[in-house]
Amino acid sequence: MIMTNKKVADLVSDKGILMVLSGPSGVGKGTVCAALRKSTNDLVYSVSATTREPRQGEVDGVNYFFRTKEQFLQMIADDELLEWAEYVGNYYGTPRYFVEEVLASGKDIILEIEVQGALKVKHKFPEGVFTFLLPPSLDELQNRIETRGTESEESIRNRMSVAKAEMRLLEHYDYAIVNDEVEAACRRIQSILVAERCRQERVLHKIKKWMDEV
């Protein structure tokens, strides 16, 4: 019996994919994520929780989940965060419940995060898809940082030293993408999401169900 297109589509797991995108500072994570959000309708951007005060125009649940310090510390105690960190007196973290709700709805979610945070997420959510964004070269990465015009020479040297250390952690990721051109990098990430939805472990349980019904 030949399966219809609908039945073929039904074999794909209806649970979404958590795509974790990280890489060194200056590699263009934010730019790539912004382009992905415009070009990929069903891709949800992960919303972080924070204890800092909302800025003008920011909306709770859209820009951040704004929480008091006491609420945030309780989230830590209750293991409700995939990762968290303290920065300049405020706490930031990735709520597990938001990620799981999006995945349960069948939509994919992308989490843009620095390297150490990504490794924390991998420890708690190993089924995620971890992608490292690389610069075309170290010279190009340094040029991008210098072009910002906001860093001192010492700061640039420090950032480059950290970037080299972070790139040595590439082996902990599933995929590596060179951000030589934003649109090309987006297409590669979209291709990864398509391929991940076709992994046998995401399809197998539905095939077994379908086979039992034939």
Protein backbone atom coordinates (compact mmCIF):
# COMPACT_ATOMS: atom_id res chain seq x y z
CA MET A 1 0.00 0.00 0.00
CA ILE A 2 1.39 3.40 -0.98
CA MET A 3 1.28 5.94 1.83
CA THR A 4 -0.23 9.33 1.11
CA ASN A 5 1.80 12.48 1.75
CA LYS A 6 -0.21 13.07 4.89
CA LYS A 7 0.59 9.63 6.25
CA VAL A 8 4.28 10.06 5.46
CA ALA A 9 4.25 13.38 7.30
CA ASP A 10 2.50 11.74 10.24
CA LEU A 11 5.49 9.45 10.72
CA VAL A 12 7.62 12.38 11.81
CA SER A 13 7.72 12.95 15.56
CA ASP A 14 5.31 15.69 16.57
CA LYS A 15 7.60 16.92 19.34
CA GLY A 16 9.72 19.95 18.56
CA ILE A 17 13.50 20.26 18.67
CA LEU A 18 15.59 22.37 21.00
CA MET A 19 18.36 23.97 18.93
CA VAL A 20 21.13 25.41 21.12
CA LEU A 21 23.28 27.89 19.21
CA SER A 22 26.47 29.18 20.74
CA GLY A 23 29.93 30.35 19.83
CA PRO A 24 32.49 33.00 20.75
CA SER A 25 31.63 36.65 21.27
CA GLY A 26 31.59 38.52 17.96
CA VAL A 27 30.80 35.50 15.79
CA GLY A 28 27.31 36.80 14.97
CA LYS A 29 24.96 34.62 17.03
CA GLY A 30 22.43 37.40 17.54
CA THR A 31 22.44 38.40 13.87
CA VAL A 32 21.94 34.81 12.71
CA CYS A 33 19.14 34.21 15.24
CA ALA A 34 17.37 37.41 14.19
CA ALA A 35 17.51 36.33 10.54
CA LEU A 36 16.27 32.85 11.42
CA ARG A 37 13.28 34.24 13.27
CA LYS A 38 12.27 36.24 10.19
CA SER A 39 12.71 33.36 7.75
CA THR A 40 11.48 30.40 9.83
CA ASN A 41 7.84 30.85 10.89
CA ASP A 42 7.59 27.91 13.29
CA LEU A 43 10.88 28.58 15.10
CA VAL A 44 10.38 30.00 18.60
CA TYR A 45 13.06 32.09 20.30
CA SER A 46 13.79 30.98 23.86
CA VAL A 47 12.79 33.57 26.47
CA SER A 48 15.07 33.92 29.49
CA ALA A 49 14.13 34.70 33.07
CA THR A 50 15.86 37.60 34.80
CA THR A 51 15.80 39.57 38.02
CA ARG A 52 16.71 42.88 36.38
CA GLU A 53 14.08 45.59 36.05
CA PRO A 54 12.17 45.79 32.74
CA ARG A 55 13.37 48.48 30.36
CA GLN A 56 10.95 50.78 28.57
CA GLY A 57 8.89 48.84 26.07
CA GLU A 58 9.87 45.39 27.35
CA VAL A 59 7.02 42.94 27.96
CA ASP A 60 6.98 40.12 30.49
CA GLY A 61 6.92 36.77 28.72
CA VAL A 62 8.04 38.31 25.42
CA ASN A 63 11.43 39.90 26.06
CA TYR A 64 12.07 38.20 29.41
CA PHE A 65 10.24 36.52 32.24
CA PHE A 66 10.77 39.16 34.92
CA ARG A 67 11.13 37.67 38.40
CA THR A 68 12.14 38.89 41.83
CA LYS A 69 15.41 37.64 43.28
CA GLU A 70 13.46 35.47 45.71
CA GLN A 71 11.40 33.94 42.89
CA PHE A 72 14.53 33.28 40.84
CA LEU A 73 16.36 31.63 43.74
CA GLN A 74 13.32 29.41 44.26
CA MET A 75 13.44 28.43 40.59
CA ILE A 76 17.05 27.38 41.12
CA ALA A 77 16.14 25.40 44.24
CA ASP A 78 13.29 23.67 42.39
CA ASP A 79 15.55 22.78 39.41
CA GLU A 80 13.32 24.78 37.06
CA LEU A 81 16.22 26.23 35.04
CA LEU A 82 18.25 24.51 32.35
CA GLU A 83 21.07 26.93 33.13
CA TRP A 84 21.57 30.17 35.01
CA ALA A 85 24.21 32.77 35.78
CA GLU A 86 24.66 35.95 37.78
CA TYR A 87 25.84 39.02 35.89
CA VAL A 88 26.35 42.53 37.29
CA GLY A 89 24.17 41.82 40.32
CA ASN A 90 21.26 40.28 38.38
CA TYR A 91 20.34 36.67 37.64
CA TYR A 92 19.61 35.27 34.19
CA GLY A 93 18.48 31.77 33.26
CA THR A 94 16.59 29.51 30.85
CA PRO A 95 13.26 28.24 32.25
CA ARG A 96 12.78 24.55 31.60
CA TYR A 97 8.96 24.82 31.57
CA PHE A 98 8.93 27.32 28.69
CA VAL A 99 11.22 25.14 26.56
CA GLU A 100 9.20 21.99 27.28
CA GLU A 101 5.86 23.69 26.55
CA VAL A 102 7.09 24.87 23.15
CA LEU A 103 8.51 21.44 22.29
CA ALA A 104 5.28 19.72 23.35
CA SER A 105 3.36 22.00 20.96
CA GLY A 106 5.40 20.58 18.07
CA LYS A 107 7.38 23.76 17.41
CA ASP A 108 11.16 24.02 17.36
CA ILE A 109 12.85 26.43 19.76
CA ILE A 110 16.26 28.08 19.47
CA LEU A 111 18.35 29.08 22.44
CA GLU A 112 21.14 31.56 21.74
CA ILE A 113 23.65 31.29 24.55
CA GLU A 114 27.34 31.55 25.41
CA VAL A 115 29.47 28.42 25.44
CA GLN A 116 29.58 27.67 29.17
CA GLY A 117 25.81 28.06 29.41
CA ALA A 118 25.33 25.71 26.46
CA LEU A 119 27.35 23.00 28.19
CA LYS A 120 25.15 23.38 31.29
CA VAL A 121 22.06 22.96 29.12
CA LYS A 122 23.56 19.84 27.55
CA HIS A 123 24.03 18.32 30.99
CA LYS A 124 20.33 18.79 31.84
CA PHE A 125 18.83 18.45 28.36
CA PRO A 126 21.11 16.13 26.35
CA GLU A 127 18.40 15.49 23.72
CA GLY A 128 18.88 19.04 22.45
CA VAL A 129 20.73 19.75 19.20
CA PHE A 130 23.92 21.66 19.95
CA THR A 131 25.37 23.79 17.18
CA PHE A 132 28.58 25.84 17.35
CA LEU A 133 28.86 28.97 15.22
CA LEU A 134 32.40 29.51 13.97
CA PRO A 135 34.00 32.55 12.35
CA PRO A 136 35.59 32.12 8.90
CA SER A 137 38.95 32.69 10.61
CA LEU A 138 40.39 34.12 13.82
CA ASP A 139 41.52 37.19 11.88
CA GLU A 140 37.95 37.77 10.71
CA LEU A 141 36.63 37.33 14.27
CA GLN A 142 39.09 39.92 15.56
CA ASN A 143 38.13 42.26 12.73
CA ARG A 144 34.44 41.95 13.64
CA ILE A 145 35.18 42.77 17.28
CA GLU A 146 37.37 45.72 16.31
CA THR A 147 34.71 47.03 13.90
CA ARG A 148 32.31 47.48 16.81
CA GLY A 149 34.53 50.32 18.02
CA THR A 150 33.58 49.65 21.64
CA GLU A 151 36.56 47.60 22.81
CA SER A 152 40.01 48.61 24.01
CA GLU A 153 43.08 46.79 22.69
CA GLU A 154 43.37 44.91 25.98
CA SER A 155 39.69 43.93 25.85
CA ILE A 156 40.09 42.66 22.29
CA ARG A 157 43.09 40.55 23.31
CA ASN A 158 41.11 39.09 26.21
CA ARG A 159 38.12 38.33 23.99
CA MET A 160 40.31 36.60 21.44
CA SER A 161 41.95 34.52 24.17
CA VAL A 162 38.52 33.46 25.47
CA ALA A 163 37.33 32.74 21.91
CA LYS A 164 40.25 30.36 21.30
CA ALA A 165 39.50 28.53 24.56
CA GLU A 166 35.80 28.27 23.65
CA MET A 167 36.53 26.89 20.18
CA ARG A 168 38.52 24.10 21.77
CA LEU A 169 35.20 22.91 23.26
CA LEU A 170 33.77 22.25 19.80
CA GLU A 171 33.94 18.49 20.38
CA HIS A 172 31.02 18.76 22.82
CA TYR A 173 28.69 19.96 20.04
CA ASP A 174 26.74 18.03 17.42
CA TYR A 175 27.28 20.44 14.53
CA ALA A 176 29.61 23.25 13.50
CA ILE A 177 28.60 26.02 11.11
CA VAL A 178 30.91 28.68 9.71
CA ASN A 179 29.21 32.07 9.73
CA ASP A 180 30.78 33.37 6.54
CA GLU A 181 27.47 34.82 5.34
CA VAL A 182 24.30 35.19 7.42
CA GLU A 183 21.79 33.79 4.91
CA ALA A 184 24.00 30.78 4.21
CA ALA A 185 24.41 30.11 7.93
CA CYS A 186 20.60 30.27 8.34
CA ARG A 187 20.08 27.76 5.54
CA ARG A 188 22.54 25.38 7.16
CA ILE A 189 20.74 25.60 10.51
CA GLN A 190 17.38 25.02 8.80
CA SER A 191 18.87 21.97 7.09
CA ILE A 192 20.03 20.62 10.45
CA LEU A 193 16.52 20.97 11.86
CA VAL A 194 15.06 19.10 8.87
CA ALA A 195 17.65 16.33 9.22
CA GLU A 196 17.07 16.03 12.96
CA ARG A 197 13.33 15.54 12.44
CA CYS A 198 14.18 12.60 10.19
CA ARG A 199 16.36 10.81 12.74
CA GLN A 200 15.18 7.22 13.13
CA GLU A 201 14.59 7.52 16.87
CA ARG A 202 12.12 10.36 16.22
CA VAL A 203 10.29 8.34 13.56
CA LEU A 204 10.54 4.76 14.80
CA HIS A 205 7.73 4.80 17.37
CA LYS A 206 5.28 6.17 14.82
CA ILE A 207 6.33 3.62 12.22
CA LYS A 208 5.65 0.84 14.72
CA LYS A 209 2.23 2.27 15.43
CA TRP A 210 1.45 2.60 11.72
CA MET A 211 2.66 -0.95 11.02
CA ASP A 212 0.34 -2.31 13.72
CA GLU A 213 -2.58 -0.57 12.06
CA VAL A 214 -1.96 -2.01 8.58
